[in-house]
């Protein structure tokens, strides 16, 4: 007799699959902050520039700019009094210069009756500006004399100062070094060099030039009858004028050439001093030019 056996089957184990995902780590970009920082600095600079422009523009123009961006089309087409003013500022660019100071008048400007500049204030402002220009010219002449080896030899004979008429350059005689041949208007070679050098520098300024010749109190002897120190001083002044022009100065700048003989001595205590024999070159200020242009200044 057959015996049957029953066996319990064991459950089959399923395989466990483990998936591992490897993430790739990108390299860090170390320079990204520099770009951000540069953008920040640029924005900050633009902000401060905007603040500076805003502070330098009058409030009336700021209001006009604000109105323009609020209603640009209506502002352009409007004919109101306010809009006309603002439109001329925005479109035409004819508003007042915020950098101009009191007393300064721009060419072509006609200020309103309540904004007209006081003539006295304007005249003082022009006088200060002219004085600064003449002081600068004085320094340029002194530097040119020091820098030039030939001119520096005669610096004791070159006297530069400011007077009520403008900047005065005097070329004086020394006892053993006269500017002209004795008793004549013929220039010495070194005097010609001095005048040529001065002529180039004086041509750089817009001022008119006045020349005067001077002698000492020694009476003129010889020559034609009636020829005196008056004629001699005038001839020497005119000879100096010719050399200034040959040196590069525009002859149209000459406004006055006179001979004063010994009527205006450099050294009144000694009328026979060699320094009384001199040529005076005046870079005229505005008042001196106006006086010389009238009959009273001739």
C-alpha atoms as a PDB file:
ATOM      1  CA  UNK A   1       0.000   0.000   0.000  1.00  0.00           C
ATOM      2  CA  UNK A   2       1.428   3.225  -1.036  1.00  0.00           C
ATOM      3  CA  UNK A   3       1.784   5.973   1.506  1.00  0.00           C
ATOM      4  CA  UNK A   4       1.375   9.624   0.213  1.00  0.00           C
ATOM      5  CA  UNK A   5       3.323  12.466   1.794  1.00  0.00           C
ATOM      6  CA  UNK A   6       2.249  16.036   1.770  1.00  0.00           C
ATOM      7  CA  UNK A   7       4.969  18.696   1.914  1.00  0.00           C
ATOM      8  CA  UNK A   8       4.520  22.361   2.581  1.00  0.00           C
ATOM      9  CA  UNK A   9       6.183  24.516  -0.034  1.00  0.00           C
ATOM     10  CA  UNK A  10       8.184  27.549   1.223  1.00  0.00           C
ATOM     11  CA  UNK A  11       7.293  30.919  -0.267  1.00  0.00           C
ATOM     12  CA  UNK A  12       9.820  32.203  -2.787  1.00  0.00           C
ATOM     13  CA  UNK A  13      11.798  35.339  -1.744  1.00  0.00           C
ATOM     14  CA  UNK A  14      11.678  38.234  -4.229  1.00  0.00           C
ATOM     15  CA  UNK A  15      14.976  39.898  -4.973  1.00  0.00           C
ATOM     16  CA  UNK A  16      15.374  43.394  -3.477  1.00  0.00           C
ATOM     17  CA  UNK A  17      16.615  45.908  -6.009  1.00  0.00           C
ATOM     18  CA  UNK A  18      18.329  49.010  -4.547  1.00  0.00           C
ATOM     19  CA  UNK A  19      18.717  51.979  -6.875  1.00  0.00           C
ATOM     20  CA  UNK A  20      21.359  54.500  -5.911  1.00  0.00           C
ATOM     21  CA  UNK A  21      21.176  57.842  -7.758  1.00  0.00           C
ATOM     22  CA  UNK A  22      24.471  59.628  -7.923  1.00  0.00           C
ATOM     23  CA  UNK A  23      24.107  63.376  -8.162  1.00  0.00           C
ATOM     24  CA  UNK A  24      26.709  65.295 -10.011  1.00  0.00           C
ATOM     25  CA  UNK A  25      27.878  68.325  -8.037  1.00  0.00           C
ATOM     26  CA  UNK A  26      28.710  71.224 -10.298  1.00  0.00           C
ATOM     27  CA  UNK A  27      31.724  73.309  -9.605  1.00  0.00           C
ATOM     28  CA  UNK A  28      30.980  76.478  -7.714  1.00  0.00           C
ATOM     29  CA  UNK A  29      31.164  79.717  -9.701  1.00  0.00           C
ATOM     30  CA  UNK A  30      33.301  81.910  -7.502  1.00  0.00           C
ATOM     31  CA  UNK A  31      33.090  85.029  -9.764  1.00  0.00           C
ATOM     32  CA  UNK A  32      29.338  85.507  -9.782  1.00  0.00           C
ATOM     33  CA  UNK A  33      29.382  87.897  -6.815  1.00  0.00           C
ATOM     34  CA  UNK A  34      31.710  90.245  -8.676  1.00  0.00           C
ATOM     35  CA  UNK A  35      29.147  90.828 -11.404  1.00  0.00           C
ATOM     36  CA  UNK A  36      26.457  91.486  -8.825  1.00  0.00           C
ATOM     37  CA  UNK A  37      28.738  93.880  -6.968  1.00  0.00           C
ATOM     38  CA  UNK A  38      29.601  95.752 -10.165  1.00  0.00           C
ATOM     39  CA  UNK A  39      25.896  96.134 -10.961  1.00  0.00           C
ATOM     40  CA  UNK A  40      25.314  97.474  -7.463  1.00  0.00           C
ATOM     41  CA  UNK A  41      28.128 100.034  -7.700  1.00  0.00           C
ATOM     42  CA  UNK A  42      26.883 101.189 -11.126  1.00  0.00           C
ATOM     43  CA  UNK A  43      23.370 101.628  -9.804  1.00  0.00           C
ATOM     44  CA  UNK A  44      24.702 103.520  -6.782  1.00  0.00           C
ATOM     45  CA  UNK A  45      26.748 105.848  -8.998  1.00  0.00           C
ATOM     46  CA  UNK A  46      23.732 106.511 -11.192  1.00  0.00           C
ATOM     47  CA  UNK A  47      21.686 107.270  -8.081  1.00  0.00           C
ATOM     48  CA  UNK A  48      24.171 109.844  -6.756  1.00  0.00           C
ATOM     49  CA  UNK A  49      24.470 111.412 -10.211  1.00  0.00           C
ATOM     50  CA  UNK A  50      20.703 111.761 -10.338  1.00  0.00           C
ATOM     51  CA  UNK A  51      20.678 113.348  -6.870  1.00  0.00           C
ATOM     52  CA  UNK A  52      23.366 115.848  -7.914  1.00  0.00           C
ATOM     53  CA  UNK A  53      21.478 116.819 -11.065  1.00  0.00           C
ATOM     54  CA  UNK A  54      18.276 117.160  -9.100  1.00  0.00           C
ATOM     55  CA  UNK A  55      19.906 119.466  -6.544  1.00  0.00           C
ATOM     56  CA  UNK A  56      21.446 121.709  -9.223  1.00  0.00           C
ATOM     57  CA  UNK A  57      18.255 122.254 -11.254  1.00  0.00           C
ATOM     58  CA  UNK A  58      15.813 124.974 -10.118  1.00  0.00           C
ATOM     59  CA  UNK A  59      12.521 123.853  -8.612  1.00  0.00           C
ATOM     60  CA  UNK A  60      10.534 125.386 -11.488  1.00  0.00           C
ATOM     61  CA  UNK A  61      12.314 123.181 -14.023  1.00  0.00           C
ATOM     62  CA  UNK A  62      11.885 120.091 -11.843  1.00  0.00           C
ATOM     63  CA  UNK A  63       8.161 120.750 -11.765  1.00  0.00           C
ATOM     64  CA  UNK A  64       8.164 121.053 -15.543  1.00  0.00           C
ATOM     65  CA  UNK A  65       9.969 117.721 -15.912  1.00  0.00           C
ATOM     66  CA  UNK A  66       7.532 116.093 -13.487  1.00  0.00           C
ATOM     67  CA  UNK A  67       4.530 117.452 -15.389  1.00  0.00           C
ATOM     68  CA  UNK A  68       5.999 116.282 -18.673  1.00  0.00           C
ATOM     69  CA  UNK A  69       6.253 112.658 -17.560  1.00  0.00           C
ATOM     70  CA  UNK A  70       2.792 112.759 -16.025  1.00  0.00           C
ATOM     71  CA  UNK A  71       0.999 114.096 -19.095  1.00  0.00           C
ATOM     72  CA  UNK A  72       3.576 114.516 -21.884  1.00  0.00           C
ATOM     73  CA  UNK A  73       1.152 114.883 -24.776  1.00  0.00           C
ATOM     74  CA  UNK A  74      -1.171 117.313 -23.050  1.00  0.00           C
ATOM     75  CA  UNK A  75       1.815 119.362 -21.892  1.00  0.00           C
ATOM     76  CA  UNK A  76       3.213 119.712 -25.410  1.00  0.00           C
ATOM     77  CA  UNK A  77      -0.152 120.606 -26.902  1.00  0.00           C
ATOM     78  CA  UNK A  78      -1.213 122.903 -24.059  1.00  0.00           C
ATOM     79  CA  UNK A  79      -0.946 126.657 -24.507  1.00  0.00           C
ATOM     80  CA  UNK A  80      -1.022 127.648 -20.849  1.00  0.00           C
ATOM     81  CA  UNK A  81       1.460 130.117 -19.422  1.00  0.00           C
ATOM     82  CA  UNK A  82       3.120 127.526 -17.173  1.00  0.00           C
ATOM     83  CA  UNK A  83       3.362 124.992 -19.935  1.00  0.00           C
ATOM     84  CA  UNK A  84       4.916 127.471 -22.348  1.00  0.00           C
ATOM     85  CA  UNK A  85       7.678 128.177 -19.891  1.00  0.00           C
ATOM     86  CA  UNK A  86       8.293 124.539 -19.123  1.00  0.00           C
ATOM     87  CA  UNK A  87       8.142 123.523 -22.768  1.00  0.00           C
ATOM     88  CA  UNK A  88      10.777 126.080 -23.680  1.00  0.00           C
ATOM     89  CA  UNK A  89      13.020 124.669 -20.976  1.00  0.00           C
ATOM     90  CA  UNK A  90      12.528 120.993 -21.845  1.00  0.00           C
ATOM     91  CA  UNK A  91      12.439 121.202 -25.632  1.00  0.00           C
ATOM     92  CA  UNK A  92      14.402 124.348 -26.361  1.00  0.00           C
ATOM     93  CA  UNK A  93      16.952 124.068 -23.574  1.00  0.00           C
ATOM     94  CA  UNK A  94      16.832 127.814 -22.949  1.00  0.00           C
ATOM     95  CA  UNK A  95      16.452 127.763 -19.188  1.00  0.00           C
ATOM     96  CA  UNK A  96      18.852 129.642 -16.883  1.00  0.00           C
ATOM     97  CA  UNK A  97      22.252 128.159 -16.300  1.00  0.00           C
ATOM     98  CA  UNK A  98      22.340 126.825 -12.711  1.00  0.00           C
ATOM     99  CA  UNK A  99      26.117 127.349 -12.615  1.00  0.00           C
ATOM    100  CA  UNK A 100      25.877 131.094 -13.274  1.00  0.00           C
ATOM    101  CA  UNK A 101      26.440 133.335 -10.272  1.00  0.00           C
ATOM    102  CA  UNK A 102      24.910 136.644  -9.365  1.00  0.00           C
ATOM    103  CA  UNK A 103      26.250 139.445 -11.527  1.00  0.00           C
ATOM    104  CA  UNK A 104      27.105 137.238 -14.495  1.00  0.00           C
ATOM    105  CA  UNK A 105      25.159 137.916 -17.698  1.00  0.00           C
ATOM    106  CA  UNK A 106      25.161 135.449 -20.563  1.00  0.00           C
ATOM    107  CA  UNK A 107      25.437 136.882 -24.058  1.00  0.00           C
ATOM    108  CA  UNK A 108      22.002 137.340 -25.587  1.00  0.00           C
ATOM    109  CA  UNK A 109      20.122 137.041 -22.286  1.00  0.00           C
ATOM    110  CA  UNK A 110      17.556 139.739 -21.472  1.00  0.00           C
ATOM    111  CA  UNK A 111      16.595 139.246 -17.838  1.00  0.00           C
ATOM    112  CA  UNK A 112      13.100 139.975 -16.605  1.00  0.00           C
ATOM    113  CA  UNK A 113      12.549 143.408 -14.997  1.00  0.00           C
ATOM    114  CA  UNK A 114      12.634 141.912 -11.504  1.00  0.00           C
ATOM    115  CA  UNK A 115      15.778 139.888 -12.307  1.00  0.00           C
ATOM    116  CA  UNK A 116      17.911 142.525 -14.054  1.00  0.00           C
ATOM    117  CA  UNK A 117      21.525 142.647 -12.909  1.00  0.00           C
ATOM    118  CA  UNK A 118      22.736 145.750 -11.142  1.00  0.00           C
ATOM    119  CA  UNK A 119      25.193 147.545 -13.503  1.00  0.00           C
ATOM    120  CA  UNK A 120      27.530 148.229 -10.603  1.00  0.00           C
ATOM    121  CA  UNK A 121      27.602 144.529  -9.657  1.00  0.00           C
ATOM    122  CA  UNK A 122      28.205 143.499 -13.272  1.00  0.00           C
ATOM    123  CA  UNK A 123      30.978 146.082 -13.658  1.00  0.00           C
ATOM    124  CA  UNK A 124      32.717 144.856 -10.501  1.00  0.00           C
ATOM    125  CA  UNK A 125      32.463 141.252 -11.684  1.00  0.00           C
ATOM    126  CA  UNK A 126      34.025 142.160 -15.039  1.00  0.00           C
ATOM    127  CA  UNK A 127      36.740 144.142 -13.267  1.00  0.00           C
ATOM    128  CA  UNK A 128      37.620 141.154 -11.050  1.00  0.00           C
ATOM    129  CA  UNK A 129      37.728 138.837 -14.052  1.00  0.00           C
ATOM    130  CA  UNK A 130      39.960 141.251 -15.964  1.00  0.00           C
ATOM    131  CA  UNK A 131      42.259 141.703 -12.969  1.00  0.00           C
ATOM    132  CA  UNK A 132      42.671 137.925 -12.691  1.00  0.00           C
ATOM    133  CA  UNK A 133      43.554 137.731 -16.387  1.00  0.00           C
ATOM    134  CA  UNK A 134      46.181 140.467 -16.011  1.00  0.00           C
ATOM    135  CA  UNK A 135      47.683 138.800 -12.929  1.00  0.00           C
ATOM    136  CA  UNK A 136      47.953 135.569 -14.914  1.00  0.00           C
ATOM    137  CA  UNK A 137      49.657 137.465 -17.746  1.00  0.00           C
ATOM    138  CA  UNK A 138      52.092 138.971 -15.240  1.00  0.00           C
ATOM    139  CA  UNK A 139      53.074 135.507 -14.002  1.00  0.00           C
ATOM    140  CA  UNK A 140      53.471 134.263 -17.581  1.00  0.00           C
ATOM    141  CA  UNK A 141      55.811 137.127 -18.419  1.00  0.00           C
ATOM    142  CA  UNK A 142      57.881 136.575 -15.284  1.00  0.00           C
ATOM    143  CA  UNK A 143      58.129 132.839 -15.990  1.00  0.00           C
ATOM    144  CA  UNK A 144      59.097 133.485 -19.611  1.00  0.00           C
ATOM    145  CA  UNK A 145      61.871 135.837 -18.500  1.00  0.00           C
ATOM    146  CA  UNK A 146      63.217 133.307 -15.992  1.00  0.00           C
ATOM    147  CA  UNK A 147      63.030 130.415 -18.483  1.00  0.00           C
ATOM    148  CA  UNK A 148      64.759 132.240 -21.359  1.00  0.00           C
ATOM    149  CA  UNK A 149      68.528 132.356 -20.896  1.00  0.00           C
ATOM    150  CA  UNK A 150      68.883 135.521 -22.950  1.00  0.00           C
ATOM    151  CA  UNK A 151      65.988 137.380 -21.323  1.00  0.00           C
ATOM    152  CA  UNK A 152      67.066 136.382 -17.822  1.00  0.00           C
ATOM    153  CA  UNK A 153      70.255 138.412 -18.348  1.00  0.00           C
ATOM    154  CA  UNK A 154      68.138 141.573 -18.565  1.00  0.00           C
ATOM    155  CA  UNK A 155      65.575 140.824 -15.850  1.00  0.00           C
ATOM    156  CA  UNK A 156      66.870 143.774 -13.805  1.00  0.00           C
ATOM    157  CA  UNK A 157      65.836 146.020 -16.696  1.00  0.00           C
ATOM    158  CA  UNK A 158      62.355 144.477 -17.009  1.00  0.00           C
ATOM    159  CA  UNK A 159      59.936 145.841 -14.417  1.00  0.00           C
ATOM    160  CA  UNK A 160      56.405 144.400 -14.366  1.00  0.00           C
ATOM    161  CA  UNK A 161      53.624 145.719 -12.134  1.00  0.00           C
ATOM    162  CA  UNK A 162      49.873 146.382 -12.034  1.00  0.00           C
ATOM    163  CA  UNK A 163      48.619 149.959 -12.244  1.00  0.00           C
ATOM    164  CA  UNK A 164      45.238 151.669 -12.468  1.00  0.00           C
ATOM    165  CA  UNK A 165      45.512 151.452 -16.272  1.00  0.00           C
ATOM    166  CA  UNK A 166      46.351 147.734 -16.385  1.00  0.00           C
ATOM    167  CA  UNK A 167      49.535 145.672 -16.534  1.00  0.00           C
ATOM    168  CA  UNK A 168      52.674 147.752 -17.081  1.00  0.00           C
ATOM    169  CA  UNK A 169      55.914 146.364 -18.497  1.00  0.00           C
ATOM    170  CA  UNK A 170      58.817 148.812 -18.316  1.00  0.00           C
ATOM    171  CA  UNK A 171      62.114 148.302 -20.121  1.00  0.00           C
ATOM    172  CA  UNK A 172      64.603 150.635 -18.445  1.00  0.00           C
ATOM    173  CA  UNK A 173      68.149 151.678 -19.196  1.00  0.00           C
ATOM    174  CA  UNK A 174      71.088 150.729 -17.028  1.00  0.00           C
ATOM    175  CA  UNK A 175      74.144 152.868 -16.734  1.00  0.00           C
ATOM    176  CA  UNK A 176      76.267 150.626 -18.963  1.00  0.00           C
ATOM    177  CA  UNK A 177      73.459 148.951 -20.908  1.00  0.00           C
ATOM    178  CA  UNK A 178      71.188 151.414 -22.755  1.00  0.00           C
ATOM    179  CA  UNK A 179      68.231 150.211 -24.832  1.00  0.00           C
ATOM    180  CA  UNK A 180      68.910 152.621 -27.695  1.00  0.00           C
ATOM    181  CA  UNK A 181      71.966 154.105 -29.277  1.00  0.00           C
ATOM    182  CA  UNK A 182      72.815 157.373 -27.622  1.00  0.00           C
ATOM    183  CA  UNK A 183      70.628 160.256 -28.789  1.00  0.00           C
ATOM    184  CA  UNK A 184      68.720 158.141 -31.371  1.00  0.00           C
ATOM    185  CA  UNK A 185      65.772 155.775 -31.775  1.00  0.00           C
ATOM    186  CA  UNK A 186      67.925 152.878 -33.038  1.00  0.00           C
ATOM    187  CA  UNK A 187      67.365 149.824 -30.832  1.00  0.00           C
ATOM    188  CA  UNK A 188      70.191 147.749 -29.443  1.00  0.00           C
ATOM    189  CA  UNK A 189      70.120 144.063 -30.558  1.00  0.00           C
ATOM    190  CA  UNK A 190      69.233 142.784 -27.078  1.00  0.00           C
ATOM    191  CA  UNK A 191      66.357 145.265 -26.832  1.00  0.00           C
ATOM    192  CA  UNK A 192      64.981 143.860 -30.079  1.00  0.00           C
ATOM    193  CA  UNK A 193      65.110 140.340 -28.609  1.00  0.00           C
ATOM    194  CA  UNK A 194      63.256 141.483 -25.489  1.00  0.00           C
ATOM    195  CA  UNK A 195      60.493 143.164 -27.510  1.00  0.00           C
ATOM    196  CA  UNK A 196      60.082 140.150 -29.799  1.00  0.00           C
ATOM    197  CA  UNK A 197      59.664 137.820 -26.813  1.00  0.00           C
ATOM    198  CA  UNK A 198      57.167 140.153 -25.132  1.00  0.00           C
ATOM    199  CA  UNK A 199      55.200 140.656 -28.356  1.00  0.00           C
ATOM    200  CA  UNK A 200      54.414 136.930 -28.659  1.00  0.00           C
ATOM    201  CA  UNK A 201      53.038 136.743 -25.129  1.00  0.00           C
ATOM    202  CA  UNK A 202      51.005 139.967 -25.346  1.00  0.00           C
ATOM    203  CA  UNK A 203      49.304 138.709 -28.479  1.00  0.00           C
ATOM    204  CA  UNK A 204      47.597 135.985 -26.413  1.00  0.00           C
ATOM    205  CA  UNK A 205      45.383 138.454 -24.506  1.00  0.00           C
ATOM    206  CA  UNK A 206      42.506 140.461 -26.023  1.00  0.00           C
ATOM    207  CA  UNK A 207      43.481 143.734 -24.328  1.00  0.00           C
ATOM    208  CA  UNK A 208      44.648 146.767 -26.239  1.00  0.00           C
ATOM    209  CA  UNK A 209      48.230 147.984 -25.847  1.00  0.00           C
ATOM    210  CA  UNK A 210      49.574 151.447 -25.095  1.00  0.00           C
ATOM    211  CA  UNK A 211      53.220 152.507 -25.587  1.00  0.00           C
ATOM    212  CA  UNK A 212      55.025 155.467 -24.123  1.00  0.00           C
ATOM    213  CA  UNK A 213      58.635 156.587 -24.471  1.00  0.00           C
ATOM    214  CA  UNK A 214      60.523 158.394 -21.694  1.00  0.00           C
ATOM    215  CA  UNK A 215      63.849 160.208 -21.413  1.00  0.00           C
ATOM    216  CA  UNK A 216      65.802 161.677 -18.542  1.00  0.00           C
ATOM    217  CA  UNK A 217      66.139 165.397 -17.926  1.00  0.00           C
ATOM    218  CA  UNK A 218      69.307 165.791 -20.000  1.00  0.00           C
ATOM    219  CA  UNK A 219      68.477 168.239 -22.849  1.00  0.00           C
ATOM    220  CA  UNK A 220      68.735 166.774 -26.335  1.00  0.00           C
ATOM    221  CA  UNK A 221      71.753 168.068 -28.219  1.00  0.00           C
ATOM    222  CA  UNK A 222      72.370 167.981 -31.944  1.00  0.00           C
ATOM    223  CA  UNK A 223      70.065 166.990 -34.734  1.00  0.00           C
ATOM    224  CA  UNK A 224      67.669 169.208 -36.610  1.00  0.00           C
ATOM    225  CA  UNK A 225      66.421 172.453 -35.160  1.00  0.00           C
ATOM    226  CA  UNK A 226      63.455 172.001 -32.851  1.00  0.00           C
ATOM    227  CA  UNK A 227      64.098 168.295 -32.294  1.00  0.00           C
ATOM    228  CA  UNK A 228      63.976 167.653 -28.542  1.00  0.00           C
ATOM    229  CA  UNK A 229      63.420 164.933 -25.983  1.00  0.00           C
ATOM    230  CA  UNK A 230      59.723 165.019 -26.877  1.00  0.00           C
ATOM    231  CA  UNK A 231      60.379 163.941 -30.438  1.00  0.00           C
ATOM    232  CA  UNK A 232      63.086 161.489 -29.330  1.00  0.00           C
ATOM    233  CA  UNK A 233      60.804 159.749 -26.793  1.00  0.00           C
ATOM    234  CA  UNK A 234      58.006 159.516 -29.388  1.00  0.00           C
ATOM    235  CA  UNK A 235      60.370 158.049 -32.008  1.00  0.00           C
ATOM    236  CA  UNK A 236      61.646 155.468 -29.515  1.00  0.00           C
ATOM    237  CA  UNK A 237      58.093 154.454 -28.578  1.00  0.00           C
ATOM    238  CA  UNK A 238      57.228 154.044 -32.265  1.00  0.00           C
ATOM    239  CA  UNK A 239      60.390 152.003 -32.904  1.00  0.00           C
ATOM    240  CA  UNK A 240      59.385 149.724 -30.023  1.00  0.00           C
ATOM    241  CA  UNK A 241      55.931 149.347 -31.568  1.00  0.00           C
ATOM    242  CA  UNK A 242      57.445 148.117 -34.829  1.00  0.00           C
ATOM    243  CA  UNK A 243      59.548 145.496 -33.042  1.00  0.00           C
ATOM    244  CA  UNK A 244      56.564 144.224 -31.031  1.00  0.00           C
ATOM    245  CA  UNK A 245      54.678 143.708 -34.291  1.00  0.00           C
ATOM    246  CA  UNK A 246      57.679 141.984 -35.882  1.00  0.00           C
ATOM    247  CA  UNK A 247      57.786 139.725 -32.820  1.00  0.00           C
ATOM    248  CA  UNK A 248      54.281 138.430 -33.521  1.00  0.00           C
ATOM    249  CA  UNK A 249      51.880 140.902 -31.948  1.00  0.00           C
ATOM    250  CA  UNK A 250      48.886 142.001 -34.013  1.00  0.00           C
ATOM    251  CA  UNK A 251      49.347 145.668 -34.942  1.00  0.00           C
ATOM    252  CA  UNK A 252      45.587 146.227 -34.469  1.00  0.00           C
ATOM    253  CA  UNK A 253      46.146 145.790 -30.724  1.00  0.00           C
ATOM    254  CA  UNK A 254      48.095 149.069 -30.536  1.00  0.00           C
ATOM    255  CA  UNK A 255      45.792 151.807 -29.285  1.00  0.00           C
ATOM    256  CA  UNK A 256      48.199 154.527 -28.213  1.00  0.00           C
ATOM    257  CA  UNK A 257      51.836 155.502 -28.885  1.00  0.00           C
ATOM    258  CA  UNK A 258      53.100 158.626 -27.125  1.00  0.00           C
ATOM    259  CA  UNK A 259      56.356 160.324 -26.204  1.00  0.00           C
ATOM    260  CA  UNK A 260      56.450 161.859 -22.707  1.00  0.00           C
ATOM    261  CA  UNK A 261      60.028 163.149 -22.607  1.00  0.00           C
ATOM    262  CA  UNK A 262      60.985 163.690 -18.924  1.00  0.00           C
ATOM    263  CA  UNK A 263      57.478 164.647 -17.761  1.00  0.00           C
ATOM    264  CA  UNK A 264      56.936 161.342 -15.899  1.00  0.00           C
ATOM    265  CA  UNK A 265      60.246 160.397 -14.310  1.00  0.00           C
ATOM    266  CA  UNK A 266      60.811 156.926 -12.913  1.00  0.00           C
ATOM    267  CA  UNK A 267      63.099 158.382 -10.263  1.00  0.00           C
ATOM    268  CA  UNK A 268      61.927 161.907  -9.461  1.00  0.00           C
ATOM    269  CA  UNK A 269      64.679 162.306  -6.868  1.00  0.00           C
ATOM    270  CA  UNK A 270      67.321 162.011  -9.597  1.00  0.00           C
ATOM    271  CA  UNK A 271      66.083 163.378 -12.961  1.00  0.00           C
ATOM    272  CA  UNK A 272      69.324 162.239 -14.631  1.00  0.00           C
ATOM    273  CA  UNK A 273      69.097 158.620 -13.445  1.00  0.00           C
ATOM    274  CA  UNK A 274      69.511 156.113 -16.306  1.00  0.00           C
ATOM    275  CA  UNK A 275      66.274 154.348 -15.315  1.00  0.00           C
ATOM    276  CA  UNK A 276      64.312 157.428 -16.323  1.00  0.00           C
ATOM    277  CA  UNK A 277      65.131 156.463 -19.914  1.00  0.00           C
ATOM    278  CA  UNK A 278      62.633 153.712 -20.558  1.00  0.00           C
ATOM    279  CA  UNK A 279      59.808 152.291 -22.662  1.00  0.00           C
ATOM    280  CA  UNK A 280      56.489 151.586 -20.923  1.00  0.00           C
ATOM    281  CA  UNK A 281      54.154 148.981 -22.387  1.00  0.00           C
ATOM    282  CA  UNK A 282      50.647 149.093 -20.901  1.00  0.00           C
ATOM    283  CA  UNK A 283      48.251 146.157 -21.318  1.00  0.00           C
ATOM    284  CA  UNK A 284      45.145 148.302 -20.875  1.00  0.00           C
ATOM    285  CA  UNK A 285      42.140 147.367 -18.826  1.00  0.00           C
ATOM    286  CA  UNK A 286      38.631 148.216 -20.029  1.00  0.00           C
ATOM    287  CA  UNK A 287      38.522 151.626 -18.346  1.00  0.00           C
ATOM    288  CA  UNK A 288      41.868 152.666 -19.821  1.00  0.00           C
ATOM    289  CA  UNK A 289      40.767 151.514 -23.281  1.00  0.00           C
ATOM    290  CA  UNK A 290      37.579 153.574 -23.048  1.00  0.00           C
ATOM    291  CA  UNK A 291      39.527 156.615 -21.856  1.00  0.00           C
ATOM    292  CA  UNK A 292      42.109 156.264 -24.653  1.00  0.00           C
ATOM    293  CA  UNK A 293      39.360 155.897 -27.261  1.00  0.00           C
ATOM    294  CA  UNK A 294      37.784 159.247 -26.341  1.00  0.00           C
ATOM    295  CA  UNK A 295      39.099 162.690 -27.142  1.00  0.00           C
ATOM    296  CA  UNK A 296      40.083 163.194 -23.542  1.00  0.00           C
ATOM    297  CA  UNK A 297      42.330 160.154 -23.639  1.00  0.00           C
ATOM    298  CA  UNK A 298      44.244 161.154 -26.740  1.00  0.00           C
END
